[in-house]
Amino acid sequence: MRFGKNLTLSILALAFFVFHPVSARGEFSLGAKYAGDYLSGQSNARLLALGGTGVAFATGPAALLANPSRLATLSSRSLSLMHADRFSSAVKVDHADWVSTRQDGTALGLGIVRQGVDDILLSETLRDPNLPLGPDNLPQVTGNSSAAEYAFLLGYSKPSLYGFQAGASAKLLYKHLADNHAFGLGVDVGAARRWGPLLLGVQLRDALSTLLVWDTGLKETIVPTLRVGASLDLPLDRLQARAMPVVEVAARTESWGNSDFFAFKAGFEYTIRNVVSARIGLDENRLTYGAGLNLRPFVLDYAFIGHEELGATHRISLQISWGSRK
């Protein structure tokens, strides 16, 4: 009981720090466009290879970001680890997610996300401050720094709530850039329902708008994104295989009134004997590719995402599941 009381007090203290005004003249940025970009992707290479979809088929640890209503697995414990080199290794991304499923189908998930850029060069003045910037008068490097973004996730799901699976995940955000840092709190909610081979899913990410407060007094909000998707599980018995097409649409309120308000994603997965999978997807206007190997209790997935200007992104994830529901 004492631990629970202390935990409650800690959460209230953190909430007060995050939402209390840092300074009377602090700036406020509503719908900061890229403030939550590092959480807009997925935590599993399978989902990324399928165009970044997942709201209608992700399960277990992958569902912590994709759709918390789908956290439950057939095993009592599942652990997923993912590493990614984005944009020709300039950006490093790491995910770790763990899910515990009970016999009644309820599930609890914990996760951590880190995205970072190291060795950022810092400069203050030009070689000759009296002359304009040019090839012979470049900024002078005074040192280097780094930038990192973290998210700590706690999710819960419950089956058969009025015929739907339902779930939610709370997230604590932390960012640092050079000598400045920010904290934030947010919540995602999701639901899913199956009709035979058809599975529909919906997620409202940053459902209450996520507030970030910087030590400079700047306050940023990450406004909600609605994601709706469908997947179709098609057994191909004669070929000892399965096929799964998936589609997903996201409505980003931060882009209200702009051409990128809606984002369309799609993917197709072909699995042979529930062991080897080949995947292709479309993430808006970018093609994605990937493959998977299921050697129970281990599952290994790989995804490749190309980018003409910023270079390719490679992601690999490993999941292990064990135990029976208790």
Protein backbone atom coordinates (compact mmCIF):
# COMPACT_ATOMS: atom_id res chain seq x y z
CA MET A 1 0.00 0.00 0.00
CA ARG A 2 2.86 2.36 0.83
CA PHE A 3 4.44 1.70 -2.57
CA GLY A 4 1.12 2.45 -4.31
CA LYS A 5 0.73 5.69 -2.34
CA ASN A 6 4.27 6.80 -3.19
CA LEU A 7 3.73 5.95 -6.85
CA THR A 8 0.54 8.00 -6.94
CA LEU A 9 2.27 10.98 -5.35
CA SER A 10 5.13 10.70 -7.85
CA ILE A 11 2.72 10.69 -10.80
CA LEU A 12 0.84 13.72 -9.43
CA ALA A 13 4.12 15.57 -8.88
CA LEU A 14 5.23 14.79 -12.42
CA ALA A 15 1.89 15.90 -13.85
CA PHE A 16 2.15 19.17 -11.91
CA PHE A 17 5.64 19.78 -13.28
CA VAL A 18 4.60 19.06 -16.85
CA PHE A 19 1.37 21.04 -16.94
CA HIS A 20 2.26 23.89 -14.58
CA PRO A 21 3.42 27.01 -16.44
CA VAL A 22 7.22 27.18 -16.45
CA SER A 23 7.23 30.94 -16.89
CA ALA A 24 4.53 33.54 -17.16
CA ARG A 25 5.81 34.52 -20.58
CA GLY A 26 6.42 30.99 -21.91
CA GLU A 27 5.70 30.50 -25.59
CA PHE A 28 2.98 28.07 -26.66
CA SER A 29 3.08 26.08 -29.91
CA LEU A 30 -0.21 24.37 -30.77
CA GLY A 31 0.17 21.36 -33.02
CA ALA A 32 3.98 21.40 -33.27
CA LYS A 33 4.39 19.56 -36.56
CA TYR A 34 7.34 17.27 -35.82
CA ALA A 35 7.23 17.13 -32.02
CA GLY A 36 5.88 13.57 -32.03
CA ASP A 37 7.44 12.37 -35.26
CA TYR A 38 9.65 9.79 -33.54
CA LEU A 39 6.51 8.00 -32.30
CA SER A 40 4.64 8.15 -35.60
CA GLY A 41 6.36 5.01 -36.86
CA GLN A 42 6.07 1.47 -35.56
CA SER A 43 8.11 -0.57 -33.10
CA ASN A 44 8.34 -3.71 -35.22
CA ALA A 45 10.07 -4.31 -38.57
CA ARG A 46 7.13 -6.42 -39.83
CA LEU A 47 4.77 -3.45 -39.54
CA LEU A 48 7.26 -1.10 -41.17
CA ALA A 49 7.75 -3.47 -44.11
CA LEU A 50 3.98 -3.44 -44.62
CA GLY A 51 3.93 0.29 -45.29
CA GLY A 52 3.94 1.35 -41.64
CA THR A 53 0.48 -0.18 -41.09
CA GLY A 54 -0.49 -2.17 -38.00
CA VAL A 55 -3.62 -0.78 -36.40
CA ALA A 56 -5.65 -3.72 -37.78
CA PHE A 57 -3.32 -6.67 -37.22
CA ALA A 58 -0.47 -5.93 -34.79
CA THR A 59 -0.39 -8.10 -31.64
CA GLY A 60 1.69 -8.29 -28.50
CA PRO A 61 4.61 -5.89 -28.07
CA ALA A 62 4.13 -4.40 -31.56
CA ALA A 63 0.63 -3.27 -30.54
CA LEU A 64 1.89 -1.02 -27.75
CA LEU A 65 2.41 1.75 -30.33
CA ALA A 66 0.21 0.47 -33.17
CA ASN A 67 -3.04 -0.28 -31.30
CA PRO A 68 -3.03 -1.00 -27.53
CA SER A 69 -6.28 -2.97 -27.78
CA ARG A 70 -4.28 -5.78 -29.45
CA LEU A 71 -1.69 -6.32 -26.71
CA ALA A 72 -2.79 -9.87 -25.76
CA THR A 73 -0.86 -12.86 -27.14
CA LEU A 74 -1.26 -16.64 -26.92
CA SER A 75 1.80 -16.76 -24.66
CA SER A 76 1.94 -15.31 -21.18
CA ARG A 77 5.11 -13.31 -21.87
CA SER A 78 6.47 -11.61 -24.99
CA LEU A 79 9.54 -9.43 -25.46
CA SER A 80 10.40 -7.46 -28.61
CA LEU A 81 13.61 -5.58 -29.43
CA MET A 82 14.17 -3.41 -32.50
CA HIS A 83 17.08 -1.38 -33.84
CA ALA A 84 17.01 0.93 -36.84
CA ASP A 85 19.51 3.01 -38.77
CA ARG A 86 17.54 5.80 -40.41
CA PHE A 87 18.68 8.05 -43.23
CA SER A 88 22.05 6.42 -43.97
CA SER A 89 22.71 5.77 -40.24
CA ALA A 90 22.46 9.45 -39.29
CA VAL A 91 19.60 8.68 -36.88
CA LYS A 92 19.55 5.70 -34.49
CA VAL A 93 16.26 4.27 -33.24
CA ASP A 94 15.81 1.60 -30.55
CA HIS A 95 12.65 0.03 -29.13
CA ALA A 96 12.12 -2.46 -26.30
CA ASP A 97 8.59 -3.69 -25.51
CA TRP A 98 7.33 -6.32 -23.08
CA VAL A 99 3.79 -7.74 -22.72
CA SER A 100 2.25 -10.00 -20.09
CA THR A 101 -1.06 -11.72 -20.93
CA ARG A 102 -3.37 -13.29 -18.35
CA GLN A 103 -5.69 -16.26 -18.79
CA ASP A 104 -8.74 -14.00 -19.05
CA GLY A 105 -7.19 -12.24 -22.08
CA THR A 106 -6.30 -8.97 -20.37
CA ALA A 107 -2.77 -7.78 -21.04
CA LEU A 108 -0.26 -5.32 -19.62
CA GLY A 109 2.54 -3.82 -21.71
CA LEU A 110 5.69 -1.82 -20.96
CA GLY A 111 7.90 -0.15 -23.54
CA ILE A 112 10.74 2.28 -24.10
CA VAL A 113 11.63 4.14 -27.30
CA ARG A 114 14.80 6.11 -28.03
CA GLN A 115 15.68 8.09 -31.14
CA GLY A 116 18.95 9.97 -31.21
CA VAL A 117 21.44 11.87 -33.32
CA ASP A 118 25.02 11.98 -32.05
CA ASP A 119 28.03 14.15 -32.87
CA ILE A 120 26.10 17.30 -33.81
CA LEU A 121 28.63 20.04 -34.52
CA LEU A 122 28.13 23.33 -32.68
CA SER A 123 29.20 26.73 -33.97
CA GLU A 124 28.85 30.27 -32.66
CA THR A 125 30.51 32.77 -34.98
CA LEU A 126 31.97 33.06 -38.47
CA ARG A 127 35.71 32.95 -39.00
CA ASP A 128 35.51 36.69 -39.63
CA PRO A 129 32.35 38.15 -38.05
CA ASN A 130 32.77 41.31 -40.11
CA LEU A 131 32.36 39.46 -43.42
CA PRO A 132 29.29 37.66 -44.84
CA LEU A 133 28.94 33.90 -44.83
CA GLY A 134 30.75 32.27 -47.76
CA PRO A 135 33.11 29.47 -48.83
CA ASP A 136 36.05 31.35 -47.31
CA ASN A 137 34.19 32.47 -44.21
CA LEU A 138 32.48 29.49 -42.62
CA PRO A 139 31.13 29.07 -39.07
CA GLN A 140 33.77 27.95 -36.59
CA VAL A 141 33.12 24.65 -34.81
CA THR A 142 33.20 25.13 -31.04
CA GLY A 143 32.28 21.60 -29.96
CA ASN A 144 29.73 18.86 -30.45
CA SER A 145 26.53 17.74 -28.82
CA SER A 146 23.69 15.26 -29.26
CA ALA A 147 19.90 15.18 -29.42
CA ALA A 148 17.72 12.37 -28.13
CA GLU A 149 14.01 11.68 -27.70
CA TYR A 150 12.61 9.08 -25.29
CA ALA A 151 9.18 7.62 -24.63
CA PHE A 152 8.21 5.35 -21.73
CA LEU A 153 4.97 3.47 -22.37
CA LEU A 154 2.46 1.67 -20.14
CA GLY A 155 -0.41 -0.10 -21.90
CA TYR A 156 -3.46 -2.18 -20.93
CA SER A 157 -5.98 -4.09 -23.02
CA LYS A 158 -9.23 -5.90 -22.30
CA PRO A 159 -11.02 -8.36 -24.60
CA SER A 160 -14.73 -8.60 -25.39
CA LEU A 161 -15.82 -5.16 -24.29
CA TYR A 162 -19.25 -4.93 -25.99
CA GLY A 163 -17.87 -7.20 -28.72
CA PHE A 164 -14.68 -5.15 -29.18
CA GLN A 165 -11.17 -5.42 -27.94
CA ALA A 166 -10.26 -2.17 -26.19
CA GLY A 167 -7.04 -0.74 -24.82
CA ALA A 168 -5.07 2.35 -23.90
CA SER A 169 -1.45 3.29 -23.34
CA ALA A 170 -0.04 6.18 -21.32
CA LYS A 171 3.31 7.67 -22.30
CA LEU A 172 5.90 9.79 -20.57
CA LEU A 173 8.09 11.72 -23.01
CA TYR A 174 11.55 13.17 -22.46
CA LYS A 175 13.68 15.11 -24.93
CA HIS A 176 17.03 16.81 -24.76
CA LEU A 177 18.78 19.00 -27.29
CA ALA A 178 22.20 20.37 -26.38
CA ASP A 179 21.66 22.01 -22.95
CA ASN A 180 17.85 22.05 -23.04
CA HIS A 181 15.29 19.40 -22.17
CA ALA A 182 11.53 18.81 -22.14
CA PHE A 183 9.00 16.52 -20.45
CA GLY A 184 5.56 15.50 -21.63
CA LEU A 185 2.59 13.25 -20.92
CA GLY A 186 0.12 11.69 -23.35
CA VAL A 187 -2.28 8.83 -23.95
CA ASP A 188 -3.29 6.64 -26.92
CA VAL A 189 -6.54 4.67 -27.11
CA GLY A 190 -7.56 1.90 -29.50
CA ALA A 191 -10.19 -0.69 -30.38
CA ALA A 192 -10.46 -3.68 -32.72
CA ARG A 193 -13.07 -6.21 -33.81
CA ARG A 194 -12.96 -9.33 -35.95
CA TRP A 195 -15.59 -10.64 -38.38
CA GLY A 196 -14.30 -13.98 -39.63
CA PRO A 197 -11.11 -13.33 -41.64
CA LEU A 198 -11.70 -9.56 -41.56
CA LEU A 199 -10.18 -7.54 -38.72
CA LEU A 200 -10.91 -3.85 -38.28
CA GLY A 201 -8.87 -1.59 -36.01
CA VAL A 202 -8.90 2.04 -34.92
CA GLN A 203 -6.50 4.09 -32.83
CA LEU A 204 -6.63 7.68 -31.60
CA ARG A 205 -3.00 8.61 -30.98
CA ASP A 206 -2.37 11.50 -28.55
CA ALA A 207 -6.08 11.36 -27.78
CA LEU A 208 -6.09 14.26 -25.31
CA SER A 209 -3.29 16.12 -27.09
CA THR A 210 0.16 15.53 -25.65
CA LEU A 211 1.81 18.50 -23.96
CA LEU A 212 5.59 19.00 -24.02
CA VAL A 213 7.13 21.59 -21.68
CA TRP A 214 10.69 22.78 -22.29
CA ASP A 215 12.93 24.22 -19.60
CA THR A 216 13.04 27.43 -21.69
CA GLY A 217 9.32 27.96 -21.07
CA LEU A 218 8.22 26.82 -24.54
CA LYS A 219 5.17 24.55 -24.53
CA GLU A 220 4.38 22.33 -27.52
CA THR A 221 1.35 20.16 -28.15
CA ILE A 222 1.17 16.98 -30.20
CA VAL A 223 -2.40 16.96 -31.48
CA PRO A 224 -4.43 13.78 -32.14
CA THR A 225 -4.04 11.49 -35.13
CA LEU A 226 -6.87 9.10 -36.04
CA ARG A 227 -5.81 5.82 -37.68
CA VAL A 228 -8.31 3.35 -39.15
CA GLY A 229 -7.35 0.12 -40.87
CA ALA A 230 -8.47 -3.31 -42.07
CA SER A 231 -6.67 -6.61 -42.64
CA LEU A 232 -7.85 -9.81 -44.30
CA ASP A 233 -6.41 -13.20 -43.29
CA LEU A 234 -6.63 -15.55 -46.29
CA PRO A 235 -5.54 -19.19 -45.81
CA LEU A 236 -4.20 -20.85 -48.96
CA ASP A 237 -4.40 -24.48 -47.88
CA ARG A 238 -3.27 -26.06 -51.14
CA LEU A 239 -0.10 -23.98 -51.09
CA GLN A 240 0.41 -24.39 -47.33
CA ALA A 241 0.53 -20.62 -47.15
CA ARG A 242 -1.37 -17.56 -46.00
CA ALA A 243 -1.88 -14.15 -47.59
CA MET A 244 -2.75 -10.95 -45.78
CA PRO A 245 -3.60 -7.68 -47.54
CA VAL A 246 -3.90 -4.65 -45.28
CA VAL A 247 -4.95 -1.01 -45.76
CA GLU A 248 -4.83 1.94 -43.40
CA VAL A 249 -5.76 5.62 -43.44
CA ALA A 250 -4.50 8.24 -40.98
CA ALA A 251 -6.10 11.63 -40.42
CA ARG A 252 -3.54 14.05 -38.95
CA THR A 253 -5.21 16.99 -37.26
CA GLU A 254 -1.90 18.89 -37.26
CA SER A 255 -2.30 19.11 -41.05
CA TRP A 256 -5.93 20.25 -41.00
CA GLY A 257 -6.75 22.05 -44.24
CA ASN A 258 -3.59 20.88 -46.01
CA SER A 259 -3.11 18.29 -48.75
CA ASP A 260 -1.29 15.92 -46.36
CA PHE A 261 -4.19 15.77 -43.88
CA PHE A 262 -4.92 12.18 -44.96
CA ALA A 263 -2.15 9.59 -45.24
CA PHE A 264 -2.77 6.28 -47.04
CA LYS A 265 -0.78 3.14 -46.30
CA ALA A 266 -1.10 -0.42 -47.57
CA GLY A 267 0.75 -3.71 -47.47
CA PHE A 268 0.72 -7.34 -48.54
CA GLU A 269 2.24 -10.30 -46.69
CA TYR A 270 2.72 -13.83 -48.04
CA THR A 271 3.66 -16.52 -45.51
CA ILE A 272 4.72 -20.09 -46.27
CA ARG A 273 4.04 -22.78 -43.65
CA ASN A 274 3.86 -20.09 -40.97
CA VAL A 275 7.66 -19.88 -41.10
CA VAL A 276 8.91 -17.64 -43.93
CA SER A 277 7.24 -14.37 -44.93
CA ALA A 278 7.77 -11.91 -47.76
CA ARG A 279 6.32 -8.38 -47.49
CA ILE A 280 5.80 -5.28 -49.56
CA GLY A 281 4.07 -2.05 -48.67
CA LEU A 282 3.27 1.51 -49.62
CA ASP A 283 3.87 4.23 -47.02
CA GLU A 284 2.14 7.20 -48.65
CA ASN A 285 4.41 7.60 -51.71
CA ARG A 286 7.31 5.35 -50.60
CA LEU A 287 7.67 1.63 -51.24
CA THR A 288 8.71 -0.59 -48.34
CA TYR A 289 10.02 -4.15 -48.37
CA GLY A 290 10.80 -6.81 -45.83
CA ALA A 291 10.95 -10.43 -44.77
CA GLY A 292 10.31 -12.50 -41.66
CA LEU A 293 11.46 -15.79 -40.16
CA ASN A 294 9.34 -17.52 -37.49
CA LEU A 295 11.33 -20.11 -35.54
CA ARG A 296 9.19 -20.41 -32.44
CA PRO A 297 9.67 -19.04 -29.85
CA PHE A 298 11.85 -16.59 -31.84
CA VAL A 299 10.60 -14.33 -34.62
CA LEU A 300 13.07 -12.27 -36.69
CA ASP A 301 11.87 -9.48 -39.00
CA TYR A 302 13.62 -7.08 -41.37
CA ALA A 303 12.39 -3.95 -43.18
CA PHE A 304 13.90 -1.68 -45.83
CA ILE A 305 12.58 1.81 -46.56
CA GLY A 306 14.18 3.91 -49.28
CA HIS A 307 14.39 7.70 -49.45
CA GLU A 308 15.75 9.60 -52.45
CA GLU A 309 17.10 12.60 -50.52
CA LEU A 310 17.91 11.25 -47.05
CA GLY A 311 19.09 7.73 -47.82
CA ALA A 312 17.79 4.30 -46.89
CA THR A 313 16.45 3.04 -43.57
CA HIS A 314 17.12 -0.49 -42.34
CA ARG A 315 15.22 -1.95 -39.40
CA ILE A 316 15.54 -5.32 -37.70
CA SER A 317 13.46 -6.65 -34.81
CA LEU A 318 13.51 -9.79 -32.68
CA GLN A 319 10.61 -11.11 -30.64
CA ILE A 320 10.59 -13.98 -28.17
CA SER A 321 7.49 -15.44 -26.49
CA TRP A 322 7.29 -17.97 -23.67
CA GLY A 323 5.01 -19.44 -21.03
CA SER A 324 1.30 -20.20 -20.99
CA ARG A 325 -1.43 -17.90 -19.79
CA LYS A 326 -2.04 -18.03 -16.04
